[in-house]
Amino acid sequence: INMGVNMGLLPTKGLTLPLLSFGGSAVVANCTAIGVLMRADWENR
């Protein structure tokens, strides 16, 4: 969605680019999600 908005392929929406854009809540939420994903992989192993 973010890339589509930047390229003019989608209407403008207030969404940041995950893990890249400035924003405290977004960065913390994204990093937390990655931690959960890494845990799932660790438990698989």
All heavy atoms as atom14 arrays in JSON, in Angstrom:
{
  "sequence": "INMGVNMGLLPTKGLTLPLLSFGGSAVVANCTAIGVLMRADWENR",
  "atom14_mask": [
    [1, 1, 1, 1, 1, 1, 1, 1, 0, 0, 0, 0, 0, 0],
    [1, 1, 1, 1, 1, 1, 1, 1, 0, 0, 0, 0, 0, 0],
    [1, 1, 1, 1, 1, 1, 1, 1, 0, 0, 0, 0, 0, 0],
    [1, 1, 1, 1, 0, 0, 0, 0, 0, 0, 0, 0, 0, 0],
    [1, 1, 1, 1, 1, 1, 1, 0, 0, 0, 0, 0, 0, 0],
    [1, 1, 1, 1, 1, 1, 1, 1, 0, 0, 0, 0, 0, 0],
    [1, 1, 1, 1, 1, 1, 1, 1, 0, 0, 0, 0, 0, 0],
    [1, 1, 1, 1, 0, 0, 0, 0, 0, 0, 0, 0, 0, 0],
    [1, 1, 1, 1, 1, 1, 1, 1, 0, 0, 0, 0, 0, 0],
    [1, 1, 1, 1, 1, 1, 1, 1, 0, 0, 0, 0, 0, 0],
    [1, 1, 1, 1, 1, 1, 1, 0, 0, 0, 0, 0, 0, 0],
    [1, 1, 1, 1, 1, 1, 1, 0, 0, 0, 0, 0, 0, 0],
    [1, 1, 1, 1, 1, 1, 1, 1, 1, 0, 0, 0, 0, 0],
    [1, 1, 1, 1, 0, 0, 0, 0, 0, 0, 0, 0, 0, 0],
    [1, 1, 1, 1, 1, 1, 1, 1, 0, 0, 0, 0, 0, 0],
    [1, 1, 1, 1, 1, 1, 1, 0, 0, 0, 0, 0, 0, 0],
    [1, 1, 1, 1, 1, 1, 1, 1, 0, 0, 0, 0, 0, 0],
    [1, 1, 1, 1, 1, 1, 1, 0, 0, 0, 0, 0, 0, 0],
    [1, 1, 1, 1, 1, 1, 1, 1, 0, 0, 0, 0, 0, 0],
    [1, 1, 1, 1, 1, 1, 1, 1, 0, 0, 0, 0, 0, 0],
    [1, 1, 1, 1, 1, 1, 0, 0, 0, 0, 0, 0, 0, 0],
    [1, 1, 1, 1, 1, 1, 1, 1, 1, 1, 1, 0, 0, 0],
    [1, 1, 1, 1, 0, 0, 0, 0, 0, 0, 0, 0, 0, 0],
    [1, 1, 1, 1, 0, 0, 0, 0, 0, 0, 0, 0, 0, 0],
    [1, 1, 1, 1, 1, 1, 0, 0, 0, 0, 0, 0, 0, 0],
    [1, 1, 1, 1, 1, 0, 0, 0, 0, 0, 0, 0, 0, 0],
    [1, 1, 1, 1, 1, 1, 1, 0, 0, 0, 0, 0, 0, 0],
    [1, 1, 1, 1, 1, 1, 1, 0, 0, 0, 0, 0, 0, 0],
    [1, 1, 1, 1, 1, 0, 0, 0, 0, 0, 0, 0, 0, 0],
    [1, 1, 1, 1, 1, 1, 1, 1, 0, 0, 0, 0, 0, 0],
    [1, 1, 1, 1, 1, 1, 0, 0, 0, 0, 0, 0, 0, 0],
    [1, 1, 1, 1, 1, 1, 1, 0, 0, 0, 0, 0, 0, 0],
    [1, 1, 1, 1, 1, 0, 0, 0, 0, 0, 0, 0, 0, 0],
    [1, 1, 1, 1, 1, 1, 1, 1, 0, 0, 0, 0, 0, 0],
    [1, 1, 1, 1, 0, 0, 0, 0, 0, 0, 0, 0, 0, 0],
    [1, 1, 1, 1, 1, 1, 1, 0, 0, 0, 0, 0, 0, 0],
    [1, 1, 1, 1, 1, 1, 1, 1, 0, 0, 0, 0, 0, 0],
    [1, 1, 1, 1, 1, 1, 1, 1, 0, 0, 0, 0, 0, 0],
    [1, 1, 1, 1, 1, 1, 1, 1, 1, 1, 1, 0, 0, 0],
    [1, 1, 1, 1, 1, 0, 0, 0, 0, 0, 0, 0, 0, 0],
    [1, 1, 1, 1, 1, 1, 1, 1, 0, 0, 0, 0, 0, 0],
    [1, 1, 1, 1, 1, 1, 1, 1, 1, 1, 1, 1, 1, 1],
    [1, 1, 1, 1, 1, 1, 1, 1, 1, 0, 0, 0, 0, 0],
    [1, 1, 1, 1, 1, 1, 1, 1, 0, 0, 0, 0, 0, 0],
    [1, 1, 1, 1, 1, 1, 1, 1, 1, 1, 1, 0, 0, 0]
  ],
  "atom14_positions": [
    [[0.84, -1.21, 0.0], [0.0, 0.0, 0.0], [0.86, 1.25, 0.0], [0.64, 2.19, -0.77], [-0.95, 0.0, 1.21], [-1.99, -1.12, 1.08], [-1.66, 1.35, 1.33], [-2.9, -1.26, 2.28], [0.0, 0.0, 0.0], [0.0, 0.0, 0.0], [0.0, 0.0, 0.0], [0.0, 0.0, 0.0], [0.0, 0.0, 0.0], [0.0, 0.0, 0.0]],
    [[1.88, 1.27, 0.87], [2.76, 2.44, 0.93], [3.48, 2.67, -0.4], [3.54, 3.8, -0.9], [3.78, 2.27, 2.06], [4.76, 3.43, 2.15], [5.77, 3.46, 1.46], [4.44, 4.4, 2.98], [0.0, 0.0, 0.0], [0.0, 0.0, 0.0], [0.0, 0.0, 0.0], [0.0, 0.0, 0.0], [0.0, 0.0, 0.0], [0.0, 0.0, 0.0]],
    [[4.01, 1.61, -0.98], [4.71, 1.73, -2.26], [3.74, 2.14, -3.36], [4.09, 2.97, -4.22], [5.38, 0.41, -2.61], [6.54, 0.02, -1.71], [7.2, -1.62, -2.11], [8.42, -1.82, -0.8], [0.0, 0.0, 0.0], [0.0, 0.0, 0.0], [0.0, 0.0, 0.0], [0.0, 0.0, 0.0], [0.0, 0.0, 0.0], [0.0, 0.0, 0.0]],
    [[2.54, 1.58, -3.33], [1.54, 1.93, -4.34], [1.17, 3.4, -4.27], [1.0, 4.07, -5.29], [0.0, 0.0, 0.0], [0.0, 0.0, 0.0], [0.0, 0.0, 0.0], [0.0, 0.0, 0.0], [0.0, 0.0, 0.0], [0.0, 0.0, 0.0], [0.0, 0.0, 0.0], [0.0, 0.0, 0.0], [0.0, 0.0, 0.0], [0.0, 0.0, 0.0]],
    [[1.05, 3.92, -3.05], [0.74, 5.34, -2.87], [1.87, 6.21, -3.4], [1.65, 7.2, -4.11], [0.48, 5.64, -1.38], [0.47, 7.15, -1.12], [-0.84, 5.03, -0.93], [0.0, 0.0, 0.0], [0.0, 0.0, 0.0], [0.0, 0.0, 0.0], [0.0, 0.0, 0.0], [0.0, 0.0, 0.0], [0.0, 0.0, 0.0], [0.0, 0.0, 0.0]],
    [[3.11, 5.85, -3.06], [4.27, 6.63, -3.51], [4.42, 6.63, -5.02], [4.87, 7.61, -5.61], [5.54, 6.07, -2.87], [5.81, 6.61, -1.48], [6.67, 7.44, -1.26], [5.04, 6.12, -0.51], [0.0, 0.0, 0.0], [0.0, 0.0, 0.0], [0.0, 0.0, 0.0], [0.0, 0.0, 0.0], [0.0, 0.0, 0.0], [0.0, 0.0, 0.0]],
    [[4.03, 5.52, -5.65], [4.18, 5.4, -7.11], [2.95, 5.86, -7.88], [2.94, 5.82, -9.11], [4.47, 3.94, -7.47], [5.77, 3.41, -6.91], [6.0, 1.65, -7.33], [7.44, 1.23, -6.36], [0.0, 0.0, 0.0], [0.0, 0.0, 0.0], [0.0, 0.0, 0.0], [0.0, 0.0, 0.0], [0.0, 0.0, 0.0], [0.0, 0.0, 0.0]],
    [[1.91, 6.28, -7.15], [0.71, 6.74, -7.83], [-0.19, 5.62, -8.3], [-1.06, 5.83, -9.15], [0.0, 0.0, 0.0], [0.0, 0.0, 0.0], [0.0, 0.0, 0.0], [0.0, 0.0, 0.0], [0.0, 0.0, 0.0], [0.0, 0.0, 0.0], [0.0, 0.0, 0.0], [0.0, 0.0, 0.0], [0.0, 0.0, 0.0], [0.0, 0.0, 0.0]],
    [[-0.01, 4.43, -7.74], [-0.84, 3.28, -8.12], [-2.04, 3.12, -7.21], [-3.0, 2.41, -7.57], [-0.01, 1.99, -8.08], [1.24, 1.98, -8.98], [2.02, 0.68, -8.77], [0.84, 2.12, -10.45], [0.0, 0.0, 0.0], [0.0, 0.0, 0.0], [0.0, 0.0, 0.0], [0.0, 0.0, 0.0], [0.0, 0.0, 0.0], [0.0, 0.0, 0.0]],
    [[-2.0, 3.76, -6.03], [-3.1, 3.69, -5.07], [-3.37, 5.08, -4.51], [-2.45, 5.92, -4.47], [-2.74, 2.74, -3.92], [-2.6, 1.25, -4.26], [-2.03, 0.48, -3.06], [-3.93, 0.66, -4.68], [0.0, 0.0, 0.0], [0.0, 0.0, 0.0], [0.0, 0.0, 0.0], [0.0, 0.0, 0.0], [0.0, 0.0, 0.0], [0.0, 0.0, 0.0]],
    [[-4.6, 5.34, -4.06], [-4.91, 6.65, -3.45], [-4.07, 6.88, -2.19], [-3.66, 5.93, -1.52], [-6.41, 6.54, -3.11], [-6.92, 5.44, -3.97], [-5.79, 4.48, -4.15], [0.0, 0.0, 0.0], [0.0, 0.0, 0.0], [0.0, 0.0, 0.0], [0.0, 0.0, 0.0], [0.0, 0.0, 0.0], [0.0, 0.0, 0.0], [0.0, 0.0, 0.0]],
    [[-3.83, 8.14, -1.87], [-3.01, 8.5, -0.72], [-3.62, 7.98, 0.58], [-4.8, 8.18, 0.85], [-2.88, 10.04, -0.62], [-2.33, 10.53, -1.83], [-1.96, 10.42, 0.53], [0.0, 0.0, 0.0], [0.0, 0.0, 0.0], [0.0, 0.0, 0.0], [0.0, 0.0, 0.0], [0.0, 0.0, 0.0], [0.0, 0.0, 0.0], [0.0, 0.0, 0.0]],
    [[-2.78, 7.29, 1.38], [-3.2, 6.76, 2.67], [-2.09, 7.03, 3.67], [-0.92, 7.06, 3.32], [-3.44, 5.24, 2.6], [-4.59, 4.86, 1.72], [-5.89, 4.55, 2.41], [-6.39, 5.5, 3.42], [-7.18, 6.6, 2.95], [0.0, 0.0, 0.0], [0.0, 0.0, 0.0], [0.0, 0.0, 0.0], [0.0, 0.0, 0.0], [0.0, 0.0, 0.0]],
    [[-2.46, 7.21, 4.92], [-1.48, 7.51, 5.95], [-0.83, 6.27, 6.52], [-0.99, 5.97, 7.71], [0.0, 0.0, 0.0], [0.0, 0.0, 0.0], [0.0, 0.0, 0.0], [0.0, 0.0, 0.0], [0.0, 0.0, 0.0], [0.0, 0.0, 0.0], [0.0, 0.0, 0.0], [0.0, 0.0, 0.0], [0.0, 0.0, 0.0], [0.0, 0.0, 0.0]],
    [[-0.11, 5.54, 5.69], [0.58, 4.33, 6.13], [2.07, 4.47, 5.89], [2.5, 4.88, 4.82], [0.06, 3.1, 5.39], [-1.29, 2.51, 5.84], [-1.69, 1.38, 4.91], [-1.22, 2.02, 7.27], [0.0, 0.0, 0.0], [0.0, 0.0, 0.0], [0.0, 0.0, 0.0], [0.0, 0.0, 0.0], [0.0, 0.0, 0.0], [0.0, 0.0, 0.0]],
    [[2.85, 4.11, 6.9], [4.29, 4.18, 6.77], [4.83, 2.93, 6.1], [4.13, 1.93, 5.97], [4.95, 4.33, 8.16], [4.55, 3.22, 8.98], [4.53, 5.63, 8.82], [0.0, 0.0, 0.0], [0.0, 0.0, 0.0], [0.0, 0.0, 0.0], [0.0, 0.0, 0.0], [0.0, 0.0, 0.0], [0.0, 0.0, 0.0], [0.0, 0.0, 0.0]],
    [[6.09, 2.99, 5.69], [6.78, 1.83, 5.12], [7.38, 1.04, 6.28], [8.26, 1.54, 6.98], [7.87, 2.29, 4.15], [8.52, 1.22, 3.26], [7.48, 0.5, 2.43], [9.56, 1.88, 2.36], [0.0, 0.0, 0.0], [0.0, 0.0, 0.0], [0.0, 0.0, 0.0], [0.0, 0.0, 0.0], [0.0, 0.0, 0.0], [0.0, 0.0, 0.0]],
    [[6.92, -0.19, 6.52], [7.36, -0.95, 7.7], [8.88, -1.04, 7.82], [9.57, -1.25, 6.83], [6.74, -2.33, 7.46], [5.57, -2.09, 6.58], [5.97, -0.95, 5.69], [0.0, 0.0, 0.0], [0.0, 0.0, 0.0], [0.0, 0.0, 0.0], [0.0, 0.0, 0.0], [0.0, 0.0, 0.0], [0.0, 0.0, 0.0], [0.0, 0.0, 0.0]],
    [[9.36, -0.86, 9.06], [10.78, -1.0, 9.42], [11.67, 0.09, 8.84], [12.84, 0.19, 9.21], [11.33, -2.37, 8.97], [10.62, -3.59, 9.55], [11.06, -4.86, 8.8], [10.95, -3.74, 11.03], [0.0, 0.0, 0.0], [0.0, 0.0, 0.0], [0.0, 0.0, 0.0], [0.0, 0.0, 0.0], [0.0, 0.0, 0.0], [0.0, 0.0, 0.0]],
    [[11.13, 0.94, 7.97], [11.96, 1.97, 7.33], [11.56, 3.39, 7.73], [12.41, 4.2, 8.06], [11.87, 1.84, 5.8], [12.56, 0.63, 5.17], [12.27, 0.58, 3.67], [14.06, 0.68, 5.4], [0.0, 0.0, 0.0], [0.0, 0.0, 0.0], [0.0, 0.0, 0.0], [0.0, 0.0, 0.0], [0.0, 0.0, 0.0], [0.0, 0.0, 0.0]],
    [[10.27, 3.69, 7.69], [9.81, 5.05, 7.92], [9.98, 5.5, 9.36], [10.03, 4.68, 10.29], [8.34, 5.19, 7.52], [8.15, 5.0, 6.15], [0.0, 0.0, 0.0], [0.0, 0.0, 0.0], [0.0, 0.0, 0.0], [0.0, 0.0, 0.0], [0.0, 0.0, 0.0], [0.0, 0.0, 0.0], [0.0, 0.0, 0.0], [0.0, 0.0, 0.0]],
    [[10.03, 6.82, 9.55], [10.09, 7.39, 10.89], [8.77, 7.16, 11.61], [7.7, 7.27, 11.03], [10.37, 8.9, 10.81], [10.33, 9.59, 12.13], [11.44, 9.58, 12.97], [9.2, 10.26, 12.56], [11.42, 10.21, 14.2], [9.16, 10.91, 13.79], [10.28, 10.88, 14.61], [0.0, 0.0, 0.0], [0.0, 0.0, 0.0], [0.0, 0.0, 0.0]],
    [[8.85, 6.85, 12.9], [7.64, 6.66, 13.7], [7.87, 5.71, 14.84], [8.24, 4.55, 14.63], [0.0, 0.0, 0.0], [0.0, 0.0, 0.0], [0.0, 0.0, 0.0], [0.0, 0.0, 0.0], [0.0, 0.0, 0.0], [0.0, 0.0, 0.0], [0.0, 0.0, 0.0], [0.0, 0.0, 0.0], [0.0, 0.0, 0.0], [0.0, 0.0, 0.0]],
    [[7.66, 6.18, 16.07], [7.94, 5.37, 17.23], [7.06, 4.15, 17.38], [7.54, 3.02, 17.51], [0.0, 0.0, 0.0], [0.0, 0.0, 0.0], [0.0, 0.0, 0.0], [0.0, 0.0, 0.0], [0.0, 0.0, 0.0], [0.0, 0.0, 0.0], [0.0, 0.0, 0.0], [0.0, 0.0, 0.0], [0.0, 0.0, 0.0], [0.0, 0.0, 0.0]],
    [[5.74, 4.36, 17.35], [4.81, 3.24, 17.54], [4.98, 2.19, 16.45], [4.97, 0.98, 16.73], [3.36, 3.76, 17.54], [3.14, 4.64, 18.61], [0.0, 0.0, 0.0], [0.0, 0.0, 0.0], [0.0, 0.0, 0.0], [0.0, 0.0, 0.0], [0.0, 0.0, 0.0], [0.0, 0.0, 0.0], [0.0, 0.0, 0.0], [0.0, 0.0, 0.0]],
    [[5.14, 2.64, 15.21], [5.27, 1.7, 14.09], [6.54, 0.87, 14.21], [6.51, -0.35, 14.04], [5.26, 2.48, 12.77], [0.0, 0.0, 0.0], [0.0, 0.0, 0.0], [0.0, 0.0, 0.0], [0.0, 0.0, 0.0], [0.0, 0.0, 0.0], [0.0, 0.0, 0.0], [0.0, 0.0, 0.0], [0.0, 0.0, 0.0], [0.0, 0.0, 0.0]],
    [[7.65, 1.52, 14.52], [8.93, 0.8, 14.63], [8.89, -0.2, 15.77], [9.32, -1.36, 15.62], [10.09, 1.8, 14.83], [11.36, 1.08, 15.26], [10.35, 2.57, 13.55], [0.0, 0.0, 0.0], [0.0, 0.0, 0.0], [0.0, 0.0, 0.0], [0.0, 0.0, 0.0], [0.0, 0.0, 0.0], [0.0, 0.0, 0.0], [0.0, 0.0, 0.0]],
    [[8.36, 0.2, 16.92], [8.3, -0.69, 18.08], [7.38, -1.88, 17.79], [7.71, -3.03, 18.1], [7.83, 0.07, 19.33], [7.6, -0.9, 20.49], [8.85, 1.12, 19.73], [0.0, 0.0, 0.0], [0.0, 0.0, 0.0], [0.0, 0.0, 0.0], [0.0, 0.0, 0.0], [0.0, 0.0, 0.0], [0.0, 0.0, 0.0], [0.0, 0.0, 0.0]],
    [[6.21, -1.6, 17.17], [5.28, -2.69, 16.83], [5.9, -3.65, 15.82], [5.77, -4.87, 15.94], [3.98, -2.1, 16.29], [0.0, 0.0, 0.0], [0.0, 0.0, 0.0], [0.0, 0.0, 0.0], [0.0, 0.0, 0.0], [0.0, 0.0, 0.0], [0.0, 0.0, 0.0], [0.0, 0.0, 0.0], [0.0, 0.0, 0.0], [0.0, 0.0, 0.0]],
    [[6.6, -3.1, 14.81], [7.24, -3.94, 13.8], [8.33, -4.82, 14.42], [8.42, -6.01, 14.12], [7.85, -3.08, 12.7], [6.83, -2.35, 11.85], [7.15, -1.39, 11.17], [5.57, -2.79, 11.9], [0.0, 0.0, 0.0], [0.0, 0.0, 0.0], [0.0, 0.0, 0.0], [0.0, 0.0, 0.0], [0.0, 0.0, 0.0], [0.0, 0.0, 0.0]],
    [[9.15, -4.24, 15.28], [10.23, -5.0, 15.92], [9.67, -6.09, 16.83], [10.22, -7.19, 16.91], [11.14, -4.07, 16.71], [12.18, -2.99, 15.69], [0.0, 0.0, 0.0], [0.0, 0.0, 0.0], [0.0, 0.0, 0.0], [0.0, 0.0, 0.0], [0.0, 0.0, 0.0], [0.0, 0.0, 0.0], [0.0, 0.0, 0.0], [0.0, 0.0, 0.0]],
    [[8.57, -5.77, 17.52], [7.92, -6.76, 18.38], [7.41, -7.93, 17.54], [7.57, -9.1, 17.91], [6.76, -6.14, 19.16], [7.23, -5.0, 19.89], [6.15, -7.13, 20.13], [0.0, 0.0, 0.0], [0.0, 0.0, 0.0], [0.0, 0.0, 0.0], [0.0, 0.0, 0.0], [0.0, 0.0, 0.0], [0.0, 0.0, 0.0], [0.0, 0.0, 0.0]],
    [[6.81, -7.6, 16.4], [6.31, -8.65, 15.49], [7.45, -9.53, 14.99], [7.3, -10.76, 14.89], [5.58, -8.01, 14.31], [0.0, 0.0, 0.0], [0.0, 0.0, 0.0], [0.0, 0.0, 0.0], [0.0, 0.0, 0.0], [0.0, 0.0, 0.0], [0.0, 0.0, 0.0], [0.0, 0.0, 0.0], [0.0, 0.0, 0.0], [0.0, 0.0, 0.0]],
    [[8.59, -8.93, 14.68], [9.74, -9.71, 14.23], [10.22, -10.63, 15.35], [10.62, -11.79, 15.11], [10.89, -8.78, 13.77], [10.46, -7.99, 12.52], [12.15, -9.58, 13.48], [10.13, -8.85, 11.32], [0.0, 0.0, 0.0], [0.0, 0.0, 0.0], [0.0, 0.0, 0.0], [0.0, 0.0, 0.0], [0.0, 0.0, 0.0], [0.0, 0.0, 0.0]],
    [[10.19, -10.14, 16.59], [10.56, -10.99, 17.73], [9.64, -12.19, 17.85], [10.1, -13.31, 18.12], [0.0, 0.0, 0.0], [0.0, 0.0, 0.0], [0.0, 0.0, 0.0], [0.0, 0.0, 0.0], [0.0, 0.0, 0.0], [0.0, 0.0, 0.0], [0.0, 0.0, 0.0], [0.0, 0.0, 0.0], [0.0, 0.0, 0.0], [0.0, 0.0, 0.0]],
    [[8.34, -11.98, 17.65], [7.37, -13.07, 17.69], [7.65, -14.06, 16.56], [7.59, -15.29, 16.75], [5.93, -12.52, 17.58], [4.92, -13.66, 17.42], [5.58, -11.68, 18.81], [0.0, 0.0, 0.0], [0.0, 0.0, 0.0], [0.0, 0.0, 0.0], [0.0, 0.0, 0.0], [0.0, 0.0, 0.0], [0.0, 0.0, 0.0], [0.0, 0.0, 0.0]],
    [[7.96, -13.54, 15.39], [8.25, -14.4, 14.24], [9.52, -15.22, 14.46], [9.57, -16.41, 14.15], [8.39, -13.53, 12.98], [8.6, -14.25, 11.64], [7.41, -15.15, 11.33], [8.8, -13.22, 10.52], [0.0, 0.0, 0.0], [0.0, 0.0, 0.0], [0.0, 0.0, 0.0], [0.0, 0.0, 0.0], [0.0, 0.0, 0.0], [0.0, 0.0, 0.0]],
    [[10.54, -14.57, 15.01], [11.79, -15.28, 15.31], [11.56, -16.37, 16.36], [12.16, -17.45, 16.3], [12.85, -14.29, 15.82], [13.32, -13.27, 14.79], [14.46, -13.96, 13.57], [15.9, -14.3, 14.57], [0.0, 0.0, 0.0], [0.0, 0.0, 0.0], [0.0, 0.0, 0.0], [0.0, 0.0, 0.0], [0.0, 0.0, 0.0], [0.0, 0.0, 0.0]],
    [[10.67, -16.1, 17.32], [10.36, -17.1, 18.34], [9.68, -18.31, 17.71], [9.99, -19.47, 18.06], [9.45, -16.5, 19.4], [8.98, -17.48, 20.48], [10.11, -17.88, 21.41], [9.75, -19.0, 22.27], [10.39, -19.32, 23.38], [11.43, -18.62, 23.77], [10.03, -20.36, 24.11], [0.0, 0.0, 0.0], [0.0, 0.0, 0.0], [0.0, 0.0, 0.0]],
    [[8.75, -18.06, 16.79], [8.07, -19.16, 16.1], [9.09, -20.03, 15.37], [9.02, -21.27, 15.41], [7.03, -18.62, 15.14], [0.0, 0.0, 0.0], [0.0, 0.0, 0.0], [0.0, 0.0, 0.0], [0.0, 0.0, 0.0], [0.0, 0.0, 0.0], [0.0, 0.0, 0.0], [0.0, 0.0, 0.0], [0.0, 0.0, 0.0], [0.0, 0.0, 0.0]],
    [[10.05, -19.39, 14.7], [11.08, -20.14, 13.99], [11.96, -20.92, 14.96], [12.29, -22.09, 14.72], [11.94, -19.17, 13.17], [13.14, -19.85, 12.55], [12.95, -20.65, 11.61], [14.28, -19.61, 13.01], [0.0, 0.0, 0.0], [0.0, 0.0, 0.0], [0.0, 0.0, 0.0], [0.0, 0.0, 0.0], [0.0, 0.0, 0.0], [0.0, 0.0, 0.0]],
    [[12.34, -20.31, 16.08], [13.18, -20.97, 17.09], [12.46, -22.2, 17.64], [13.08, -23.26, 17.8], [13.5, -19.99, 18.21], [14.4, -20.56, 19.26], [15.76, -20.64, 19.25], [13.99, -21.17, 20.5], [16.23, -21.24, 20.39], [15.17, -21.58, 21.18], [12.75, -21.4, 21.1], [15.13, -22.21, 22.42], [12.72, -22.03, 22.34], [13.89, -22.42, 22.98]],
    [[11.18, -22.06, 17.94], [10.43, -23.19, 18.49], [10.29, -24.3, 17.44], [10.33, -25.49, 17.78], [9.06, -22.74, 18.98], [9.13, -21.87, 20.23], [7.78, -21.61, 20.85], [6.77, -22.16, 20.36], [7.72, -20.86, 21.84], [0.0, 0.0, 0.0], [0.0, 0.0, 0.0], [0.0, 0.0, 0.0], [0.0, 0.0, 0.0], [0.0, 0.0, 0.0]],
    [[10.12, -23.92, 16.17], [10.1, -24.94, 15.11], [11.36, -25.78, 15.14], [11.32, -27.01, 15.04], [9.98, -24.27, 13.73], [8.6, -23.72, 13.46], [7.65, -24.0, 14.19], [8.49, -22.91, 12.42], [0.0, 0.0, 0.0], [0.0, 0.0, 0.0], [0.0, 0.0, 0.0], [0.0, 0.0, 0.0], [0.0, 0.0, 0.0], [0.0, 0.0, 0.0]],
    [[12.5, -25.12, 15.27], [13.8, -25.81, 15.25], [13.96, -26.72, 16.48], [14.53, -27.81, 16.38], [14.94, -24.79, 15.18], [14.95, -24.0, 13.87], [15.87, -22.79, 13.93], [15.72, -21.94, 12.75], [16.61, -21.84, 11.78], [17.74, -22.53, 11.83], [16.4, -21.04, 10.76], [0.0, 0.0, 0.0], [0.0, 0.0, 0.0], [0.0, 0.0, 0.0]]
  ]
}
